[in-house]
Amino acid sequence: MDIEHLVMMANDIGAYFAGYPSHDEAVVAIEHHLRHFWEPRMRRDLIEYAARGGAGLKPLVREAIDLMARQTGPEAEDRND
């Protein structure tokens, strides 16, 4: 999938969750959404893009991707909680 499209979708998700009561809750909610509703290739592409600088990613989304990257591994990819 085109990375610009992934960035746009991730930022849209971030805009939705930006209204959560706290910053930390919003970051966790974005990470949770990406982990549960995006397929592994999409998550991997987004994590790799963020690691290369992640131009265009909103700061809140960037934090969620960083959180997801820290939790991603063979065990995390199989996890659905």
PDB file of N, CA and C in Angstrom:
ATOM      1  N   MET A   1       0.843  -1.181   0.000  1.00  0.00           N
ATOM      2  CA  MET A   1       0.000   0.000   0.000  1.00  0.00           C
ATOM      3  C   MET A   1       0.885   1.239   0.000  1.00  0.00           C
ATOM      4  N   ASP A   2       0.429   2.244  -0.643  1.00  0.00           N
ATOM      5  CA  ASP A   2       1.149   3.507  -0.742  1.00  0.00           C
ATOM      6  C   ASP A   2       1.335   4.131   0.644  1.00  0.00           C
ATOM      7  N   ILE A   3       2.568   4.487   0.983  1.00  0.00           N
ATOM      8  CA  ILE A   3       2.845   5.016   2.323  1.00  0.00           C
ATOM      9  C   ILE A   3       2.123   6.339   2.566  1.00  0.00           C
ATOM     10  N   GLU A   4       1.966   7.153   1.543  1.00  0.00           N
ATOM     11  CA  GLU A   4       1.239   8.413   1.746  1.00  0.00           C
ATOM     12  C   GLU A   4      -0.201   8.149   2.166  1.00  0.00           C
ATOM     13  N   HIS A   5      -0.792   7.105   1.608  1.00  0.00           N
ATOM     14  CA  HIS A   5      -2.158   6.739   1.989  1.00  0.00           C
ATOM     15  C   HIS A   5      -2.191   6.218   3.431  1.00  0.00           C
ATOM     16  N   LEU A   6      -1.195   5.424   3.809  1.00  0.00           N
ATOM     17  CA  LEU A   6      -1.125   4.934   5.187  1.00  0.00           C
ATOM     18  C   LEU A   6      -0.970   6.098   6.168  1.00  0.00           C
ATOM     19  N   VAL A   7      -0.126   7.051   5.821  1.00  0.00           N
ATOM     20  CA  VAL A   7       0.080   8.220   6.687  1.00  0.00           C
ATOM     21  C   VAL A   7      -1.229   9.001   6.828  1.00  0.00           C
ATOM     22  N   MET A   8      -1.921   9.190   5.734  1.00  0.00           N
ATOM     23  CA  MET A   8      -3.193   9.919   5.774  1.00  0.00           C
ATOM     24  C   MET A   8      -4.202   9.183   6.661  1.00  0.00           C
ATOM     25  N   MET A   9      -4.299   7.865   6.496  1.00  0.00           N
ATOM     26  CA  MET A   9      -5.244   7.097   7.312  1.00  0.00           C
ATOM     27  C   MET A   9      -4.847   7.139   8.789  1.00  0.00           C
ATOM     28  N   ALA A  10      -3.551   6.998   9.070  1.00  0.00           N
ATOM     29  CA  ALA A  10      -3.089   7.033  10.463  1.00  0.00           C
ATOM     30  C   ALA A  10      -3.372   8.403  11.082  1.00  0.00           C
ATOM     31  N   ASN A  11      -3.138   9.457  10.336  1.00  0.00           N
ATOM     32  CA  ASN A  11      -3.412  10.798  10.860  1.00  0.00           C
ATOM     33  C   ASN A  11      -4.907  11.017  11.076  1.00  0.00           C
ATOM     34  N   ASP A  12      -5.749  10.452  10.222  1.00  0.00           N
ATOM     35  CA  ASP A  12      -7.202  10.541  10.420  1.00  0.00           C
ATOM     36  C   ASP A  12      -7.612   9.835  11.715  1.00  0.00           C
ATOM     37  N   ILE A  13      -7.021   8.673  11.956  1.00  0.00           N
ATOM     38  CA  ILE A  13      -7.296   7.943  13.198  1.00  0.00           C
ATOM     39  C   ILE A  13      -6.828   8.781  14.383  1.00  0.00           C
ATOM     40  N   GLY A  14      -5.652   9.369  14.245  1.00  0.00           N
ATOM     41  CA  GLY A  14      -5.129  10.220  15.304  1.00  0.00           C
ATOM     42  C   GLY A  14      -6.033  11.414  15.583  1.00  0.00           C
ATOM     43  N   ALA A  15      -6.582  12.003  14.550  1.00  0.00           N
ATOM     44  CA  ALA A  15      -7.480  13.151  14.731  1.00  0.00           C
ATOM     45  C   ALA A  15      -8.728  12.737  15.508  1.00  0.00           C
ATOM     46  N   TYR A  16      -9.209  11.535  15.227  1.00  0.00           N
ATOM     47  CA  TYR A  16     -10.387  11.053  15.954  1.00  0.00           C
ATOM     48  C   TYR A  16     -10.082  10.900  17.440  1.00  0.00           C
ATOM     49  N   PHE A  17      -8.975  10.240  17.745  1.00  0.00           N
ATOM     50  CA  PHE A  17      -8.659   9.952  19.145  1.00  0.00           C
ATOM     51  C   PHE A  17      -8.043  11.157  19.871  1.00  0.00           C
ATOM     52  N   ALA A  18      -7.695  12.191  19.167  1.00  0.00           N
ATOM     53  CA  ALA A  18      -7.119  13.380  19.808  1.00  0.00           C
ATOM     54  C   ALA A  18      -8.095  14.007  20.799  1.00  0.00           C
ATOM     55  N   GLY A  19      -9.373  13.715  20.650  1.00  0.00           N
ATOM     56  CA  GLY A  19     -10.374  14.260  21.565  1.00  0.00           C
ATOM     57  C   GLY A  19     -10.506  13.494  22.867  1.00  0.00           C
ATOM     58  N   TYR A  20      -9.710  12.449  23.053  1.00  0.00           N
ATOM     59  CA  TYR A  20      -9.762  11.687  24.298  1.00  0.00           C
ATOM     60  C   TYR A  20      -9.336  12.574  25.461  1.00  0.00           C
ATOM     61  N   PRO A  21      -9.792  12.224  26.678  1.00  0.00           N
ATOM     62  CA  PRO A  21      -9.532  13.094  27.843  1.00  0.00           C
ATOM     63  C   PRO A  21      -8.057  13.374  28.119  1.00  0.00           C
ATOM     64  N   SER A  22      -7.192  12.407  27.864  1.00  0.00           N
ATOM     65  CA  SER A  22      -5.780  12.668  28.143  1.00  0.00           C
ATOM     66  C   SER A  22      -4.927  12.260  26.944  1.00  0.00           C
ATOM     67  N   HIS A  23      -3.773  12.863  26.903  1.00  0.00           N
ATOM     68  CA  HIS A  23      -2.804  12.578  25.838  1.00  0.00           C
ATOM     69  C   HIS A  23      -2.432  11.099  25.830  1.00  0.00           C
ATOM     70  N   ASP A  24      -2.123  10.563  26.997  1.00  0.00           N
ATOM     71  CA  ASP A  24      -1.697   9.160  27.088  1.00  0.00           C
ATOM     72  C   ASP A  24      -2.808   8.214  26.639  1.00  0.00           C
ATOM     73  N   GLU A  25      -4.048   8.499  27.002  1.00  0.00           N
ATOM     74  CA  GLU A  25      -5.165   7.656  26.570  1.00  0.00           C
ATOM     75  C   GLU A  25      -5.292   7.692  25.046  1.00  0.00           C
ATOM     76  N   ALA A  26      -5.080   8.854  24.459  1.00  0.00           N
ATOM     77  CA  ALA A  26      -5.172   8.977  23.002  1.00  0.00           C
ATOM     78  C   ALA A  26      -4.074   8.162  22.318  1.00  0.00           C
ATOM     79  N   VAL A  27      -2.866   8.232  22.836  1.00  0.00           N
ATOM     80  CA  VAL A  27      -1.754   7.467  22.236  1.00  0.00           C
ATOM     81  C   VAL A  27      -2.059   5.977  22.302  1.00  0.00           C
ATOM     82  N   VAL A  28      -2.498   5.510  23.448  1.00  0.00           N
ATOM     83  CA  VAL A  28      -2.808   4.081  23.615  1.00  0.00           C
ATOM     84  C   VAL A  28      -3.969   3.678  22.708  1.00  0.00           C
ATOM     85  N   ALA A  29      -4.971   4.522  22.593  1.00  0.00           N
ATOM     86  CA  ALA A  29      -6.132   4.205  21.746  1.00  0.00           C
ATOM     87  C   ALA A  29      -5.729   4.120  20.271  1.00  0.00           C
ATOM     88  N   ILE A  30      -4.877   4.996  19.832  1.00  0.00           N
ATOM     89  CA  ILE A  30      -4.406   4.953  18.436  1.00  0.00           C
ATOM     90  C   ILE A  30      -3.606   3.679  18.210  1.00  0.00           C
ATOM     91  N   GLU A  31      -2.697   3.383  19.121  1.00  0.00           N
ATOM     92  CA  GLU A  31      -1.886   2.155  19.003  1.00  0.00           C
ATOM     93  C   GLU A  31      -2.794   0.938  18.975  1.00  0.00           C
ATOM     94  N   HIS A  32      -3.773   0.916  19.854  1.00  0.00           N
ATOM     95  CA  HIS A  32      -4.712  -0.210  19.937  1.00  0.00           C
ATOM     96  C   HIS A  32      -5.473  -0.361  18.617  1.00  0.00           C
ATOM     97  N   HIS A  33      -5.941   0.738  18.088  1.00  0.00           N
ATOM     98  CA  HIS A  33      -6.683   0.696  16.820  1.00  0.00           C
ATOM     99  C   HIS A  33      -5.798   0.160  15.690  1.00  0.00           C
ATOM    100  N   LEU A  34      -4.600   0.678  15.586  1.00  0.00           N
ATOM    101  CA  LEU A  34      -3.693   0.227  14.523  1.00  0.00           C
ATOM    102  C   LEU A  34      -3.375  -1.258  14.671  1.00  0.00           C
ATOM    103  N   ARG A  35      -3.137  -1.679  15.890  1.00  0.00           N
ATOM    104  CA  ARG A  35      -2.759  -3.080  16.120  1.00  0.00           C
ATOM    105  C   ARG A  35      -3.920  -4.026  15.831  1.00  0.00           C
ATOM    106  N   HIS A  36      -5.134  -3.598  16.118  1.00  0.00           N
ATOM    107  CA  HIS A  36      -6.285  -4.492  15.963  1.00  0.00           C
ATOM    108  C   HIS A  36      -6.955  -4.429  14.595  1.00  0.00           C
ATOM    109  N   PHE A  37      -6.872  -3.305  13.924  1.00  0.00           N
ATOM    110  CA  PHE A  37      -7.633  -3.158  12.687  1.00  0.00           C
ATOM    111  C   PHE A  37      -6.780  -3.042  11.428  1.00  0.00           C
ATOM    112  N   TRP A  38      -5.501  -2.891  11.586  1.00  0.00           N
ATOM    113  CA  TRP A  38      -4.621  -2.841  10.406  1.00  0.00           C
ATOM    114  C   TRP A  38      -3.936  -4.187  10.258  1.00  0.00           C
ATOM    115  N   GLU A  39      -3.749  -4.593   9.029  1.00  0.00           N
ATOM    116  CA  GLU A  39      -3.075  -5.862   8.806  1.00  0.00           C
ATOM    117  C   GLU A  39      -1.573  -5.696   9.075  1.00  0.00           C
ATOM    118  N   PRO A  40      -0.890  -6.806   9.374  1.00  0.00           N
ATOM    119  CA  PRO A  40       0.531  -6.721   9.760  1.00  0.00           C
ATOM    120  C   PRO A  40       1.411  -5.974   8.757  1.00  0.00           C
ATOM    121  N   ARG A  41       1.172  -6.156   7.466  1.00  0.00           N
ATOM    122  CA  ARG A  41       2.018  -5.451   6.483  1.00  0.00           C
ATOM    123  C   ARG A  41       1.850  -3.944   6.588  1.00  0.00           C
ATOM    124  N   MET A  42       0.630  -3.488   6.823  1.00  0.00           N
ATOM    125  CA  MET A  42       0.380  -2.050   6.963  1.00  0.00           C
ATOM    126  C   MET A  42       1.104  -1.515   8.195  1.00  0.00           C
ATOM    127  N   ARG A  43       0.995  -2.251   9.312  1.00  0.00           N
ATOM    128  CA  ARG A  43       1.675  -1.816  10.546  1.00  0.00           C
ATOM    129  C   ARG A  43       3.184  -1.798  10.341  1.00  0.00           C
ATOM    130  N   ARG A  44       3.724  -2.849   9.719  1.00  0.00           N
ATOM    131  CA  ARG A  44       5.162  -2.927   9.483  1.00  0.00           C
ATOM    132  C   ARG A  44       5.627  -1.769   8.604  1.00  0.00           C
ATOM    133  N   ASP A  45       4.900  -1.488   7.514  1.00  0.00           N
ATOM    134  CA  ASP A  45       5.279  -0.385   6.625  1.00  0.00           C
ATOM    135  C   ASP A  45       5.266   0.950   7.359  1.00  0.00           C
ATOM    136  N   LEU A  46       4.260   1.144   8.214  1.00  0.00           N
ATOM    137  CA  LEU A  46       4.170   2.400   8.953  1.00  0.00           C
ATOM    138  C   LEU A  46       5.294   2.528   9.971  1.00  0.00           C
ATOM    139  N   ILE A  47       5.608   1.448  10.662  1.00  0.00           N
ATOM    140  CA  ILE A  47       6.708   1.463  11.635  1.00  0.00           C
ATOM    141  C   ILE A  47       8.029   1.749  10.926  1.00  0.00           C
ATOM    142  N   GLU A  48       8.257   1.105   9.795  1.00  0.00           N
ATOM    143  CA  GLU A  48       9.498   1.335   9.044  1.00  0.00           C
ATOM    144  C   GLU A  48       9.570   2.774   8.542  1.00  0.00           C
ATOM    145  N   TYR A  49       8.440   3.302   8.088  1.00  0.00           N
ATOM    146  CA  TYR A  49       8.415   4.682   7.606  1.00  0.00           C
ATOM    147  C   TYR A  49       8.737   5.651   8.753  1.00  0.00           C
ATOM    148  N   ALA A  50       8.143   5.402   9.905  1.00  0.00           N
ATOM    149  CA  ALA A  50       8.396   6.263  11.069  1.00  0.00           C
ATOM    150  C   ALA A  50       9.872   6.201  11.467  1.00  0.00           C
ATOM    151  N   ALA A  51      10.462   5.027  11.370  1.00  0.00           N
ATOM    152  CA  ALA A  51      11.876   4.870  11.725  1.00  0.00           C
ATOM    153  C   ALA A  51      12.790   5.630  10.762  1.00  0.00           C
ATOM    154  N   ARG A  52      12.308   5.872   9.549  1.00  0.00           N
ATOM    155  CA  ARG A  52      13.099   6.631   8.555  1.00  0.00           C
ATOM    156  C   ARG A  52      12.808   8.124   8.627  1.00  0.00           C
ATOM    157  N   GLY A  53      12.080   8.562   9.631  1.00  0.00           N
ATOM    158  CA  GLY A  53      11.795   9.985   9.796  1.00  0.00           C
ATOM    159  C   GLY A  53      10.313  10.291   9.876  1.00  0.00           C
ATOM    160  N   GLY A  54       9.503   9.538   9.165  1.00  0.00           N
ATOM    161  CA  GLY A  54       8.055   9.654   9.284  1.00  0.00           C
ATOM    162  C   GLY A  54       7.481  11.013   8.906  1.00  0.00           C
ATOM    163  N   ALA A  55       7.988  11.613   7.843  1.00  0.00           N
ATOM    164  CA  ALA A  55       7.474  12.917   7.415  1.00  0.00           C
ATOM    165  C   ALA A  55       5.964  12.863   7.226  1.00  0.00           C
ATOM    166  N   GLY A  56       5.292  13.855   7.755  1.00  0.00           N
ATOM    167  CA  GLY A  56       3.846  13.978   7.588  1.00  0.00           C
ATOM    168  C   GLY A  56       3.034  13.345   8.697  1.00  0.00           C
ATOM    169  N   LEU A  57       3.666  12.539   9.544  1.00  0.00           N
ATOM    170  CA  LEU A  57       2.936  11.930  10.655  1.00  0.00           C
ATOM    171  C   LEU A  57       2.715  12.964  11.756  1.00  0.00           C
ATOM    172  N   LYS A  58       1.490  13.033  12.264  1.00  0.00           N
ATOM    173  CA  LYS A  58       1.179  13.930  13.377  1.00  0.00           C
ATOM    174  C   LYS A  58       1.884  13.417  14.634  1.00  0.00           C
ATOM    175  N   PRO A  59       2.293  14.328  15.519  1.00  0.00           N
ATOM    176  CA  PRO A  59       3.031  13.915  16.718  1.00  0.00           C
ATOM    177  C   PRO A  59       2.320  12.847  17.552  1.00  0.00           C
ATOM    178  N   LEU A  60       1.017  12.961  17.724  1.00  0.00           N
ATOM    179  CA  LEU A  60       0.268  11.973  18.499  1.00  0.00           C
ATOM    180  C   LEU A  60       0.342  10.596  17.844  1.00  0.00           C
ATOM    181  N   VAL A  61       0.224  10.573  16.537  1.00  0.00           N
ATOM    182  CA  VAL A  61       0.299   9.318  15.780  1.00  0.00           C
ATOM    183  C   VAL A  61       1.710   8.753  15.867  1.00  0.00           C
ATOM    184  N   ARG A  62       2.676   9.624  15.779  1.00  0.00           N
ATOM    185  CA  ARG A  62       4.067   9.191  15.870  1.00  0.00           C
ATOM    186  C   ARG A  62       4.338   8.496  17.198  1.00  0.00           C
ATOM    187  N   GLU A  63       3.796   9.054  18.271  1.00  0.00           N
ATOM    188  CA  GLU A  63       3.969   8.418  19.581  1.00  0.00           C
ATOM    189  C   GLU A  63       3.302   7.050  19.614  1.00  0.00           C
ATOM    190  N   ALA A  64       2.136   6.939  19.006  1.00  0.00           N
ATOM    191  CA  ALA A  64       1.425   5.655  18.975  1.00  0.00           C
ATOM    192  C   ALA A  64       2.216   4.629  18.163  1.00  0.00           C
ATOM    193  N   ILE A  65       2.803   5.066  17.081  1.00  0.00           N
ATOM    194  CA  ILE A  65       3.617   4.154  16.262  1.00  0.00           C
ATOM    195  C   ILE A  65       4.858   3.727  17.039  1.00  0.00           C
ATOM    196  N   ASP A  66       5.465   4.665  17.751  1.00  0.00           N
ATOM    197  CA  ASP A  66       6.632   4.306  18.578  1.00  0.00           C
ATOM    198  C   ASP A  66       6.236   3.274  19.634  1.00  0.00           C
ATOM    199  N   LEU A  67       5.077   3.460  20.239  1.00  0.00           N
ATOM    200  CA  LEU A  67       4.580   2.497  21.225  1.00  0.00           C
ATOM    201  C   LEU A  67       4.367   1.138  20.562  1.00  0.00           C
ATOM    202  N   MET A  68       3.747   1.144  19.399  1.00  0.00           N
ATOM    203  CA  MET A  68       3.480  -0.098  18.673  1.00  0.00           C
ATOM    204  C   MET A  68       4.801  -0.777  18.305  1.00  0.00           C
ATOM    205  N   ALA A  69       5.780   0.004  17.889  1.00  0.00           N
ATOM    206  CA  ALA A  69       7.076  -0.560  17.503  1.00  0.00           C
ATOM    207  C   ALA A  69       7.750  -1.232  18.689  1.00  0.00           C
ATOM    208  N   ARG A  70       7.611  -0.625  19.868  1.00  0.00           N
ATOM    209  CA  ARG A  70       8.214  -1.224  21.061  1.00  0.00           C
ATOM    210  C   ARG A  70       7.531  -2.536  21.429  1.00  0.00           C
ATOM    211  N   GLN A  71       6.261  -2.657  21.075  1.00  0.00           N
ATOM    212  CA  GLN A  71       5.496  -3.855  21.437  1.00  0.00           C
ATOM    213  C   GLN A  71       5.465  -4.885  20.318  1.00  0.00           C
ATOM    214  N   THR A  72       5.998  -4.539  19.171  1.00  0.00           N
ATOM    215  CA  THR A  72       5.923  -5.435  18.029  1.00  0.00           C
ATOM    216  C   THR A  72       7.063  -6.442  18.061  1.00  0.00           C
ATOM    217  N   GLY A  73       6.713  -7.629  17.813  1.00  0.00           N
ATOM    218  CA  GLY A  73       7.641  -8.741  17.732  1.00  0.00           C
ATOM    219  C   GLY A  73       6.828  -9.934  17.311  1.00  0.00           C
ATOM    220  N   PRO A  74       7.453 -11.079  17.174  1.00  0.00           N
ATOM    221  CA  PRO A  74       6.690 -12.254  16.746  1.00  0.00           C
ATOM    222  C   PRO A  74       5.506 -12.537  17.652  1.00  0.00           C
ATOM    223  N   GLU A  75       5.682 -12.352  18.981  1.00  0.00           N
ATOM    224  CA  GLU A  75       4.580 -12.630  19.896  1.00  0.00           C
ATOM    225  C   GLU A  75       3.491 -11.579  19.753  1.00  0.00           C
ATOM    226  N   ALA A  76       3.891 -10.307  19.603  1.00  0.00           N
ATOM    227  CA  ALA A  76       2.919  -9.220  19.517  1.00  0.00           C
ATOM    228  C   ALA A  76       2.093  -9.308  18.248  1.00  0.00           C
ATOM    229  N   GLU A  77       2.697  -9.748  17.155  1.00  0.00           N
ATOM    230  CA  GLU A  77       1.962  -9.845  15.899  1.00  0.00           C
ATOM    231  C   GLU A  77       0.841 -10.871  15.987  1.00  0.00           C
ATOM    232  N   ASP A  78       1.002 -11.884  16.824  1.00  0.00           N
ATOM    233  CA  ASP A  78      -0.019 -12.907  16.964  1.00  0.00           C
ATOM    234  C   ASP A  78      -1.063 -12.543  18.002  1.00  0.00           C
ATOM    235  N   ARG A  79      -0.779 -11.503  18.767  1.00  0.00           N
ATOM    236  CA  ARG A  79      -1.652 -11.117  19.864  1.00  0.00           C
ATOM    237  C   ARG A  79      -2.843 -10.329  19.344  1.00  0.00           C
ATOM    238  N   ASN A  80      -3.993 -10.555  19.869  1.00  0.00           N
ATOM    239  CA  ASN A  80      -5.197  -9.822  19.457  1.00  0.00           C
ATOM    240  C   ASN A  80      -5.946  -9.276  20.646  1.00  0.00           C
ATOM    241  N   ASP A  81      -5.250  -8.782  21.630  1.00  0.00           N
ATOM    242  CA  ASP A  81      -5.968  -8.227  22.783  1.00  0.00           C
ATOM    243  C   ASP A  81      -5.956  -6.751  22.788  1.00  0.00           C
TER     244      ASP A  81
END
